[in-house]
Protein backbone atom coordinates (compact mmCIF):
# COMPACT_ATOMS: atom_id res chain seq x y z
CA MET A 1 10.88 -16.01 -69.95
CA GLY A 2 7.51 -16.72 -68.41
CA GLY A 3 8.94 -19.62 -66.38
CA PHE A 4 11.81 -17.46 -65.18
CA TRP A 5 9.35 -14.79 -64.06
CA VAL A 6 7.32 -17.36 -62.10
CA ILE A 7 10.45 -18.64 -60.35
CA ARG A 8 11.47 -15.09 -59.43
CA LYS A 9 7.96 -14.39 -58.14
CA LEU A 10 7.97 -17.56 -56.01
CA SER A 11 11.44 -16.72 -54.69
CA PHE A 12 10.27 -13.24 -53.74
CA MET A 13 7.18 -14.61 -51.99
CA LEU A 14 9.24 -17.15 -50.04
CA LYS A 15 11.64 -14.45 -48.86
CA ARG A 16 8.76 -12.38 -47.55
CA ASN A 17 6.70 -15.29 -46.17
CA TRP A 18 9.32 -17.86 -45.16
CA HIS A 19 7.75 -18.10 -41.71
CA PHE A 20 4.83 -19.97 -43.27
CA LEU A 21 7.29 -22.73 -44.17
CA LEU A 22 8.26 -22.87 -40.51
CA ILE A 23 4.59 -23.16 -39.53
CA LEU A 24 4.19 -25.99 -42.04
CA PHE A 25 7.28 -27.78 -40.67
CA LEU A 26 6.02 -27.36 -37.09
CA CYS A 27 2.61 -28.75 -38.01
CA LEU A 28 4.16 -31.72 -39.82
CA ASP A 29 6.42 -32.51 -36.87
CA ILE A 30 3.49 -32.34 -34.44
CA ALA A 31 1.48 -34.59 -36.76
CA TYR A 32 4.38 -37.05 -36.87
CA SER A 33 4.56 -37.05 -33.06
CA PHE A 34 0.79 -37.64 -32.94
CA CYS A 35 1.19 -40.74 -35.13
CA GLN A 36 3.96 -41.99 -32.84
CA HIS A 37 1.87 -41.42 -29.70
CA PHE A 38 -1.12 -43.15 -31.32
CA HIS A 39 0.86 -46.37 -31.68
CA VAL A 40 2.14 -46.56 -28.09
CA ALA A 41 0.77 -49.26 -25.78
CA LEU A 42 -1.27 -48.42 -22.67
CA ASP A 43 0.48 -48.39 -19.32
CA GLY A 44 -0.24 -50.48 -16.25
CA ASP A 45 -1.29 -47.62 -13.96
CA LEU A 46 -4.11 -46.38 -16.16
CA PRO A 47 -6.90 -48.83 -15.16
CA ASN A 48 -6.26 -48.43 -11.42
CA ILE A 49 -6.47 -44.65 -11.68
CA ILE A 50 -9.51 -44.54 -13.97
CA LEU A 51 -11.78 -46.88 -11.99
CA PRO A 52 -10.30 -46.11 -9.36
CA ALA A 53 -8.82 -49.20 -7.73
CA LYS A 54 -9.45 -49.83 -4.05
CA GLN A 55 -6.13 -48.37 -2.89
CA TYR A 56 -6.95 -45.00 -4.49
CA GLN A 57 -10.53 -44.67 -3.23
CA PRO A 58 -9.50 -42.85 0.00
CA LEU A 59 -7.66 -40.29 -2.14
CA MET A 60 -10.73 -39.65 -4.29
CA ASP A 61 -12.94 -39.37 -1.19
CA ASP A 62 -10.61 -36.81 0.43
CA PRO A 63 -9.35 -34.40 -2.27
CA LEU A 64 -7.58 -32.00 0.09
CA GLY A 65 -6.09 -34.69 2.34
CA LEU A 66 -7.81 -33.31 5.43
CA SER A 67 -8.01 -36.76 7.03
CA VAL A 68 -4.20 -36.89 6.93
CA LEU A 69 -3.96 -33.47 8.55
CA LEU A 70 -6.67 -33.94 11.19
CA GLU A 71 -6.65 -37.70 11.82
CA ASN A 72 -3.14 -38.75 10.74
CA GLU A 73 -4.56 -41.15 8.14
CA SER A 74 -2.21 -42.91 5.73
CA TYR A 75 -3.18 -44.01 2.23
CA ALA A 76 -1.86 -44.04 -1.34
CA SER A 77 -0.81 -40.68 -2.80
CA PRO A 78 -2.67 -38.31 -0.46
CA ASN A 79 -1.24 -35.21 -2.20
CA ARG A 80 -1.99 -36.22 -5.82
CA PHE A 81 -5.77 -35.85 -6.05
CA PHE A 82 -5.94 -33.57 -9.08
CA ALA A 83 -3.51 -35.71 -11.10
CA HIS A 84 -5.71 -38.76 -10.45
CA TRP A 85 -8.94 -36.81 -10.96
CA PHE A 86 -7.93 -35.31 -14.31
CA THR A 87 -6.59 -38.64 -15.63
CA ALA A 88 -9.75 -40.48 -14.56
CA GLU A 89 -12.17 -37.87 -15.93
CA TYR A 90 -10.31 -37.58 -19.21
CA PHE A 91 -10.28 -41.32 -19.90
CA LYS A 92 -13.84 -41.80 -18.67
CA ASN A 93 -15.24 -39.23 -21.07
CA ILE A 94 -13.01 -38.55 -24.09
CA PRO A 95 -12.95 -42.15 -25.44
CA HIS A 96 -16.77 -42.15 -25.39
CA LEU A 97 -16.85 -38.93 -27.41
CA LEU A 98 -14.35 -40.35 -29.91
CA GLN A 99 -16.37 -43.55 -30.32
CA LYS A 100 -18.77 -41.56 -32.49
CA ILE A 101 -16.12 -41.64 -35.22
CA VAL A 102 -13.80 -44.59 -34.35
CA SER A 103 -14.03 -48.03 -32.75
CA PRO A 104 -13.89 -48.40 -28.93
CA ILE A 105 -10.33 -49.79 -29.04
CA ASP A 106 -9.13 -47.03 -31.37
CA SER A 107 -10.85 -44.41 -29.20
CA VAL A 108 -8.59 -45.20 -26.23
CA TYR A 109 -5.36 -44.96 -28.21
CA LEU A 110 -6.65 -41.84 -29.95
CA ALA A 111 -7.51 -40.19 -26.61
CA SER A 112 -4.02 -40.98 -25.34
CA ALA A 113 -2.38 -39.58 -28.49
CA ILE A 114 -4.45 -36.37 -28.36
CA ILE A 115 -3.52 -35.48 -24.78
CA LYS A 116 0.17 -36.34 -25.28
CA THR A 117 0.37 -34.28 -28.48
CA PHE A 118 -1.42 -31.37 -26.80
CA ILE A 119 1.03 -31.37 -23.89
CA GLN A 120 4.01 -31.59 -26.25
CA PHE A 121 2.76 -28.64 -28.29
CA LEU A 122 1.96 -26.74 -25.08
CA LEU A 123 5.49 -27.18 -23.74
CA ILE A 124 7.09 -26.15 -27.05
CA GLY A 125 4.87 -23.06 -27.11
CA ILE A 126 5.49 -22.07 -23.49
CA LEU A 127 9.27 -22.47 -23.75
CA SER A 128 9.22 -20.40 -26.95
CA ILE A 129 7.28 -17.64 -25.17
CA PHE A 130 9.73 -17.68 -22.25
CA ILE A 131 12.66 -17.32 -24.65
CA THR A 132 11.26 -14.73 -27.07
CA ASN A 133 8.52 -12.91 -25.11
CA LYS A 134 6.37 -13.44 -28.21
CA ASN A 135 3.10 -15.33 -27.88
CA LYS A 136 1.80 -15.41 -31.45
CA ILE A 137 2.47 -18.57 -33.43
CA THR A 138 2.86 -16.48 -36.58
CA ASP A 139 5.63 -14.36 -35.03
CA LYS A 140 8.93 -15.17 -36.72
CA SER A 141 10.96 -15.16 -33.49
CA PHE A 142 8.48 -17.53 -31.85
CA LEU A 143 8.62 -19.86 -34.84
CA ILE A 144 12.42 -19.93 -35.02
CA VAL A 145 12.68 -21.00 -31.36
CA ALA A 146 9.81 -23.50 -31.70
CA ILE A 147 11.60 -25.10 -34.66
CA LEU A 148 14.82 -25.27 -32.63
CA LEU A 149 13.06 -27.00 -29.73
CA THR A 150 10.74 -29.37 -31.61
CA PRO A 151 13.34 -32.05 -32.56
CA LEU A 152 14.41 -32.34 -28.90
CA PHE A 153 11.07 -33.93 -27.99
CA GLN A 154 11.84 -37.60 -28.56
CA THR A 155 9.31 -40.42 -28.77
CA SER A 156 11.89 -43.08 -29.61
CA GLY A 157 15.56 -42.38 -30.42
CA TYR A 158 16.97 -40.67 -27.32
CA TYR A 159 13.65 -41.05 -25.47
CA GLN A 160 14.89 -43.48 -22.82
CA TYR A 161 17.00 -40.80 -21.14
CA MET A 162 15.74 -37.41 -22.35
CA GLY A 163 12.10 -38.16 -23.11
CA VAL A 164 9.67 -35.44 -22.00
CA ILE A 165 6.39 -36.94 -23.21
CA ASP A 166 6.43 -40.33 -21.53
CA LYS A 167 5.19 -43.41 -23.35
CA ALA A 168 3.11 -44.12 -20.23
CA THR A 169 0.18 -41.70 -20.45
CA THR A 170 -0.17 -41.55 -16.67
CA TYR A 171 3.46 -40.45 -16.32
CA THR A 172 2.91 -37.75 -18.93
CA LEU A 173 -0.14 -36.51 -17.03
CA PHE A 174 1.66 -36.71 -13.67
CA TYR A 175 4.94 -35.08 -14.74
CA ALA A 176 5.00 -33.20 -18.07
CA PHE A 177 1.45 -31.81 -17.83
CA PRO A 178 1.68 -30.23 -14.35
CA ILE A 179 5.13 -28.82 -15.18
CA SER A 180 3.68 -27.19 -18.30
CA LEU A 181 0.92 -25.64 -16.15
CA LEU A 182 3.54 -24.56 -13.61
CA LEU A 183 5.41 -22.73 -16.38
CA LEU A 184 2.14 -20.98 -17.29
CA PHE A 185 1.75 -19.92 -13.65
CA PHE A 186 5.25 -18.43 -13.53
CA LEU A 187 5.06 -16.79 -16.98
CA PRO A 188 3.66 -13.37 -15.95
CA PHE A 189 6.10 -13.16 -13.02
CA TYR A 190 8.99 -14.17 -15.27
CA LYS A 191 8.08 -11.39 -17.68
CA LYS A 192 8.03 -8.92 -14.80
CA LEU A 193 11.17 -9.99 -12.91
CA TYR A 194 13.38 -11.05 -15.83
CA SER A 195 12.13 -9.14 -18.86
CA ASN A 196 10.90 -6.05 -16.97
CA ILE A 197 7.52 -6.29 -18.70
CA ASN A 198 4.87 -5.11 -16.26
CA ILE A 199 1.71 -7.13 -16.84
CA GLU A 200 -1.53 -5.99 -15.26
CA LEU A 201 -3.31 -9.06 -13.92
CA SER A 202 -7.06 -8.89 -14.47
CA TRP A 203 -9.37 -10.12 -11.72
CA TRP A 204 -10.16 -13.34 -13.60
CA ARG A 205 -6.46 -14.04 -14.12
CA LYS A 206 -5.79 -13.54 -10.41
CA ILE A 207 -8.54 -16.02 -9.58
CA MET A 208 -7.08 -18.46 -12.12
CA LEU A 209 -3.58 -18.14 -10.62
CA PHE A 210 -4.96 -18.73 -7.12
CA PHE A 211 -6.81 -21.91 -8.07
CA LEU A 212 -3.90 -23.02 -10.25
CA ALA A 213 -1.68 -22.86 -7.16
CA ILE A 214 -4.08 -25.19 -5.32
CA TYR A 215 -4.52 -27.46 -8.34
CA LEU A 216 -0.78 -27.86 -8.95
CA SER A 217 0.12 -28.30 -5.29
CA LEU A 218 -2.02 -31.44 -5.18
CA ASN A 219 -1.01 -32.66 -8.61
CA GLY A 220 1.94 -34.97 -8.35
CA PRO A 221 5.27 -35.54 -6.67
CA LEU A 222 7.48 -32.93 -8.36
CA ILE A 223 5.54 -29.67 -8.19
CA PRO A 224 5.73 -28.84 -4.42
CA PRO A 225 9.53 -29.14 -4.10
CA ILE A 226 10.03 -27.34 -7.43
CA VAL A 227 7.82 -24.46 -6.29
CA ILE A 228 9.49 -24.10 -2.89
CA LEU A 229 12.96 -24.30 -4.43
CA THR A 230 12.17 -21.89 -7.29
CA ILE A 231 10.53 -19.23 -5.15
CA GLY A 232 13.23 -19.60 -2.49
CA LEU A 233 15.93 -18.99 -5.11
CA ILE A 234 14.06 -16.00 -6.57
CA PHE A 235 13.75 -14.40 -3.14
CA SER A 236 17.38 -15.15 -2.26
CA PHE A 237 18.67 -13.74 -5.55
CA GLN A 238 16.64 -10.54 -5.21
CA ILE A 239 17.82 -9.97 -1.63
CA PHE A 240 21.43 -10.68 -2.63
CA GLN A 241 21.23 -8.19 -5.52
CA ILE A 242 19.84 -5.51 -3.22
CA TYR A 243 22.45 -6.22 -0.56
CA LYS A 244 25.29 -5.92 -3.11
CA LYS A 245 24.16 -2.41 -4.06
CA GLU A 246 22.92 -1.22 -0.66
CA ARG A 247 25.29 -2.73 1.89
CA GLU A 248 24.84 0.18 4.29
CA LYS A 249 21.08 -0.32 4.57
CA SER A 250 19.50 -2.03 7.57
CA ILE A 251 17.57 -5.30 7.34
CA VAL A 252 14.34 -3.29 7.40
CA GLY A 253 15.58 -1.10 4.56
CA ILE A 254 16.58 -4.12 2.48
CA GLY A 255 13.20 -5.67 3.22
CA LYS A 256 11.38 -2.58 1.96
CA MET A 257 13.46 -2.51 -1.22
CA PHE A 258 12.84 -6.23 -1.71
CA LEU A 259 9.08 -5.73 -1.37
CA LYS A 260 9.18 -2.83 -3.85
CA ARG A 261 11.18 -4.84 -6.38
CA ILE A 262 9.10 -8.01 -6.08
CA GLY A 263 5.76 -6.25 -5.78
CA LYS A 264 2.91 -7.03 -3.40
CA GLU A 265 0.98 -8.97 -6.02
CA THR A 266 3.88 -11.26 -6.87
CA LEU A 267 4.73 -11.74 -3.20
CA PHE A 268 1.14 -12.70 -2.41
CA PHE A 269 0.89 -15.38 -5.10
CA PHE A 270 4.35 -16.75 -4.35
CA LEU A 271 3.62 -17.08 -0.64
CA VAL A 272 0.22 -18.65 -1.32
CA PHE A 273 1.80 -21.19 -3.67
CA CYS A 274 4.56 -21.94 -1.14
CA PHE A 275 1.98 -22.46 1.61
CA PHE A 276 -0.06 -24.94 -0.44
CA SER A 277 3.13 -26.68 -1.61
CA MET A 278 4.39 -27.12 1.95
CA TYR A 279 0.98 -28.46 2.94
CA SER A 280 1.10 -30.90 0.02
CA PHE A 281 4.61 -31.97 0.95
CA TYR A 282 3.51 -32.53 4.55
CA ILE A 283 0.48 -34.71 3.81
CA GLY A 284 2.54 -36.55 1.16
CA LEU A 285 4.71 -37.91 3.97
CA ASN A 286 1.76 -40.11 4.98
CA THR A 287 1.62 -42.03 1.71
CA SER A 288 1.30 -45.78 1.98
CA GLU A 289 2.98 -46.38 -1.39
CA GLY A 290 6.58 -47.49 -1.71
CA LEU A 291 7.06 -48.36 1.96
CA ASN A 292 8.48 -51.77 1.09
CA ASP A 293 10.99 -50.24 -1.34
CA SER A 294 12.68 -48.06 1.23
CA ILE A 295 16.46 -47.91 1.54
CA SER A 296 18.56 -45.56 3.65
CA ILE A 297 19.14 -41.97 2.53
CA MET A 298 22.89 -42.62 2.33
CA GLU A 299 22.30 -45.54 -0.06
CA ARG A 300 20.06 -43.33 -2.20
CA TYR A 301 22.74 -40.63 -2.49
CA GLN A 302 25.30 -43.28 -3.46
CA LYS A 303 23.08 -44.24 -6.41
CA VAL A 304 22.75 -40.69 -7.80
CA PRO A 305 26.18 -40.53 -9.55
CA MET A 306 25.39 -43.72 -11.48
CA GLY A 307 22.02 -42.28 -12.45
CA ILE A 308 23.68 -39.13 -13.82
CA PHE A 309 26.39 -41.18 -15.53
CA ASN A 310 23.78 -43.30 -17.31
CA MET A 311 21.84 -40.22 -18.44
CA LEU A 312 24.99 -38.74 -19.99
CA THR A 313 26.60 -41.84 -21.51
CA GLN A 314 23.99 -44.40 -22.59
CA LYS A 315 22.66 -42.32 -25.49
CA LEU A 316 24.09 -39.39 -27.44
CA GLY A 317 21.11 -37.08 -26.86
CA PHE A 318 22.28 -35.30 -23.71
CA PRO A 319 25.99 -35.19 -24.66
CA ILE A 320 25.12 -33.52 -28.00
CA LEU A 321 22.75 -31.07 -26.34
CA ILE A 322 25.22 -30.12 -23.60
CA LEU A 323 28.06 -29.78 -26.13
CA ILE A 324 25.99 -27.38 -28.25
CA ILE A 325 25.10 -25.36 -25.15
CA LEU A 326 28.79 -25.09 -24.20
CA ILE A 327 29.66 -24.00 -27.76
CA ASN A 328 26.87 -21.42 -27.60
CA LEU A 329 28.15 -20.04 -24.29
CA PHE A 330 31.67 -19.83 -25.71
CA LEU A 331 30.44 -17.95 -28.77
CA MET A 332 28.37 -15.62 -26.59
CA LYS A 333 31.49 -14.85 -24.54
CA LYS A 334 33.11 -13.68 -27.76
CA GLN A 335 30.27 -11.25 -28.42
CA SER A 336 30.54 -7.63 -27.37
CA GLU A 337 29.36 -6.79 -23.86
CA SER A 338 25.67 -5.95 -23.58
CA VAL A 339 22.98 -5.70 -20.91
CA GLU A 340 21.03 -8.52 -22.55
CA ARG A 341 24.03 -10.86 -22.69
CA LYS A 342 24.91 -10.13 -19.06
CA LYS A 343 21.33 -10.78 -17.98
CA ILE A 344 21.27 -14.12 -19.82
CA PHE A 345 24.51 -15.28 -18.15
CA ILE A 346 23.25 -14.30 -14.69
CA PHE A 347 19.94 -16.06 -15.28
CA LEU A 348 21.64 -19.22 -16.56
CA GLN A 349 23.82 -19.25 -13.43
CA CYS A 350 20.63 -19.17 -11.35
CA LEU A 351 19.21 -22.05 -13.38
CA SER A 352 22.43 -24.01 -12.79
CA VAL A 353 22.04 -23.52 -9.04
CA PHE A 354 18.43 -24.68 -9.28
CA ALA A 355 19.47 -27.82 -11.21
CA MET A 356 22.22 -28.73 -8.74
CA VAL A 357 20.06 -28.20 -5.66
CA TYR A 358 17.15 -30.07 -7.27
CA ILE A 359 19.36 -33.10 -8.02
CA LEU A 360 20.71 -33.04 -4.46
CA LEU A 361 17.15 -33.08 -3.10
CA LEU A 362 15.94 -35.97 -5.28
CA PRO A 363 17.09 -38.79 -2.94
CA LEU A 364 14.95 -37.29 -0.17
CA GLY A 365 11.87 -38.07 -2.27
CA GLY A 366 12.12 -41.79 -1.60
CA TYR A 367 13.18 -44.86 -3.56
CA ARG A 368 11.39 -47.06 -6.10
CA GLU A 369 12.67 -50.36 -7.50
CA TYR A 370 11.65 -49.33 -11.04
CA ARG A 371 13.88 -46.25 -10.60
CA PRO A 372 16.98 -47.99 -9.21
CA ASN A 373 19.40 -45.05 -9.58
CA ILE A 374 16.96 -42.36 -8.32
CA ILE A 375 17.49 -40.29 -11.48
CA ARG A 376 15.41 -41.26 -14.47
CA ARG A 377 13.84 -39.29 -17.30
CA ASP A 378 10.70 -38.54 -15.22
CA THR A 379 12.47 -37.27 -12.10
CA PHE A 380 15.07 -35.52 -14.29
CA LEU A 381 12.37 -33.76 -16.33
CA PRO A 382 12.78 -30.27 -14.76
CA VAL A 383 16.52 -30.34 -15.55
CA THR A 384 15.82 -31.63 -19.07
CA LEU A 385 13.47 -28.71 -19.73
CA LEU A 386 16.04 -26.29 -18.31
CA LEU A 387 18.57 -27.65 -20.81
CA PHE A 388 16.01 -27.22 -23.60
CA TYR A 389 15.43 -23.64 -22.47
CA THR A 390 19.17 -22.92 -22.28
CA PHE A 391 19.74 -24.36 -25.75
CA GLY A 392 16.86 -22.33 -27.18
CA MET A 393 17.81 -19.10 -25.39
CA THR A 394 21.52 -19.17 -26.32
CA SER A 395 20.89 -20.32 -29.90
CA PHE A 396 18.28 -17.61 -30.45
CA TYR A 397 20.63 -14.96 -29.04
CA LEU A 398 23.43 -16.02 -31.41
CA ILE A 399 21.10 -16.11 -34.43
CA GLN A 400 20.24 -12.50 -33.64
CA HIS A 401 23.73 -11.21 -32.82
CA LEU A 402 26.27 -13.13 -34.90
CA LEU A 403 27.71 -11.31 -37.88
CA PRO A 404 25.94 -12.33 -41.13
CA LYS A 405 29.02 -14.08 -42.53
CA TYR A 406 29.15 -16.33 -39.44
CA ARG A 407 25.41 -16.59 -38.86
CA LYS A 408 24.74 -18.68 -41.97
CA TRP A 409 27.30 -21.30 -40.93
CA TYR A 410 25.93 -21.30 -37.39
CA VAL A 411 22.40 -21.87 -38.69
CA VAL A 412 23.70 -24.75 -40.85
CA GLY A 413 25.24 -26.25 -37.70
CA LEU A 414 21.92 -25.96 -35.84
CA PHE A 415 20.17 -27.58 -38.79
CA ILE A 416 22.58 -30.54 -38.64
CA VAL A 417 21.97 -30.95 -34.90
CA GLY A 418 18.20 -30.77 -35.33
CA PHE A 419 18.32 -33.17 -38.27
CA ASN A 420 20.27 -35.66 -36.14
CA PHE A 421 17.61 -35.56 -33.43
CA MET A 422 14.89 -36.03 -36.04
CA ILE A 423 16.40 -38.99 -37.86
CA VAL A 424 17.09 -40.96 -34.67
CA ASP A 425 13.47 -40.47 -33.58
CA LEU A 426 12.33 -43.30 -35.83
CA PRO A 427 8.68 -44.38 -35.73
CA ASP A 428 7.62 -47.56 -33.99
CA PHE A 429 4.18 -48.11 -35.40
CA GLN A 430 4.14 -51.72 -34.16
CA ASN A 431 4.56 -50.79 -30.49
CA ASN A 432 0.94 -51.46 -29.51
CA LYS A 433 0.01 -54.01 -32.20
CA CYS A 434 0.33 -56.97 -29.85
CA GLU A 435 -1.78 -55.25 -27.20
CA ARG A 436 -4.36 -54.23 -29.81
CA ASP A 437 -4.63 -57.81 -31.06
CA ALA A 438 -5.10 -59.01 -27.48
CA LEU A 439 -7.85 -56.44 -26.85
CA GLU A 440 -9.57 -57.51 -30.07
CA LYS A 441 -9.49 -61.12 -28.90
CA ILE A 442 -10.81 -60.18 -25.47
CA SER A 443 -13.59 -58.07 -27.03
CA ASN A 444 -14.71 -61.03 -29.16
CA THR A 445 -14.76 -63.45 -26.23
CA PRO A 446 -17.98 -64.18 -24.29
CA LYS A 447 -18.10 -63.60 -20.56
CA GLY A 448 -15.51 -65.66 -18.70
CA ILE A 449 -11.77 -66.14 -18.55
CA ILE A 450 -9.51 -66.11 -21.58
CA GLN A 451 -5.94 -67.32 -21.95
CA LEU A 452 -3.77 -65.15 -24.20
CA GLU A 453 -0.91 -66.66 -26.17
CA ASN A 454 1.17 -63.49 -26.55
CA ASP A 455 3.93 -62.22 -24.26
CA CYS A 456 3.20 -58.48 -24.43
CA LEU A 457 1.78 -56.45 -21.58
CA ILE A 458 -1.92 -55.64 -21.80
CA MET A 459 -2.63 -52.60 -19.62
CA THR A 460 -0.27 -54.00 -16.98
CA TRP A 461 3.37 -53.64 -15.93
CA ILE A 462 3.96 -57.40 -15.73
CA LYS A 463 2.77 -60.55 -17.46
CA VAL A 464 -0.51 -61.72 -15.95
CA LYS A 465 -0.57 -65.27 -14.59
CA ASP A 466 -3.56 -64.87 -12.27
CA PRO A 467 -6.79 -63.84 -14.06
CA GLU A 468 -8.12 -62.21 -10.87
CA PHE A 469 -5.35 -59.64 -11.30
CA THR A 470 -7.22 -58.24 -14.34
CA GLU A 471 -10.54 -57.59 -12.60
CA THR A 472 -9.96 -53.83 -12.55
CA ASN A 473 -8.85 -53.91 -16.19
CA SER A 474 -12.01 -55.79 -17.10
CA GLN A 475 -14.21 -53.13 -15.50
CA VAL A 476 -12.36 -50.38 -17.38
CA LEU A 477 -12.71 -52.28 -20.68
CA GLN A 478 -16.45 -52.46 -20.01
CA MET A 479 -16.48 -48.73 -19.30
CA TRP A 480 -14.83 -48.16 -22.70
CA ASN A 481 -17.38 -50.45 -24.45
CA ILE A 482 -14.59 -52.77 -25.57
CA ILE A 483 -16.33 -55.68 -23.84
CA GLU A 484 -19.99 -56.07 -22.91
CA LYS A 485 -19.63 -58.45 -19.97
CA PRO A 486 -16.84 -59.03 -17.41
CA THR A 487 -13.99 -60.90 -19.04
CA LEU A 488 -10.76 -61.76 -17.25
CA TYR A 489 -7.55 -62.73 -18.98
CA TYR A 490 -4.17 -64.26 -18.22
CA GLN A 491 -1.02 -65.32 -20.08
CA LYS A 492 1.02 -68.51 -20.12
């Protein structure tokens, strides 16, 4: 009888505190992702950005790109200062702090894993807040959505086409990180315009939003067009909604209603962000990178369909996700009419317009040989996150509104989908072993030039045949205390 009582007591406790199991699962999944990130090799852009290499020195000397504006200068990435600055400062300082507890080589991989895991957790948290309007990790609604979203973040498995946290740390810091900060910028305005939650912005938060607008505008290739497109669509939608209800009003009258609905505070920050984004876009036209990879705009647009086709057919990740979203929308259509359901459908239509316009604008951003079909997981990242949001939003709505007799089967279906994403995301703990072994050999070699027997890439994008090519890498390895004296390397 005593054992039966204990089981009943445990069952009762689990029913009341089941959300702690969700917290445990979330922590375990994040820990698993951390282990995966820790075993990923370093990318070839990292040394050039950290040092920085010669081609990036003009950028670091001119953070705001004023020489482009005033003197028509042209150099590499004139509108990406803060992305370069953050990456360089992080990898100049964090590995040294970590070397108090781990070896110099381990410190670099550990630093990379920490920032990737942080950004992954940040994105899961922000998307969960957008969907639930709850910002406490112990809130049950927040946890349910976080658990739904977590398996979608792939490190292997479906990573090649729907990866959010890039294996290349620089790509993660140039794409996923600024987009996560952009979502933080829009969060209070989203709560006001979509959820009708009026948030009073304190003076320090206003200052933070202002500087965040500057920081993000000069923080990579995607943010300026995303900002201009997003704010343009918000303004257009609000004006259209007013015009539908107040057709008889004059342009001035519609303008006054628009200003009242948007609010002076929101309008100010949106216009400021648009201004900085347009400035960033303008000086970005003077970049010296990628000039030799240029093809005509028409040729770029002809490559887009193949890029989309590959994203949807090469791996099952996107087809499964889109299928579940379509099933969710069908089930929501079967639900009784409600203000919340109507609002979700309208908002998802707006997101669809954003996705289509964004894809149509991508070819205007230039062409790179390593991105032959224009669309790749990095440039497709905003659309990927929109699909994650749509999946989370529609699934959460159905969990709340389906009848109990159907809800349990629906939850089982979601569990099967999530389990599929988890089991395909197999660990690859040997990914950086070859590079690690090479760094160990380099660290144990006296000053000079060393020939490496392996075929893997060592902080480069290509195999190194000319030792002079690794001069920058050598200086960074010295900075990290991996080598004491300059040591160049090359491969057969």
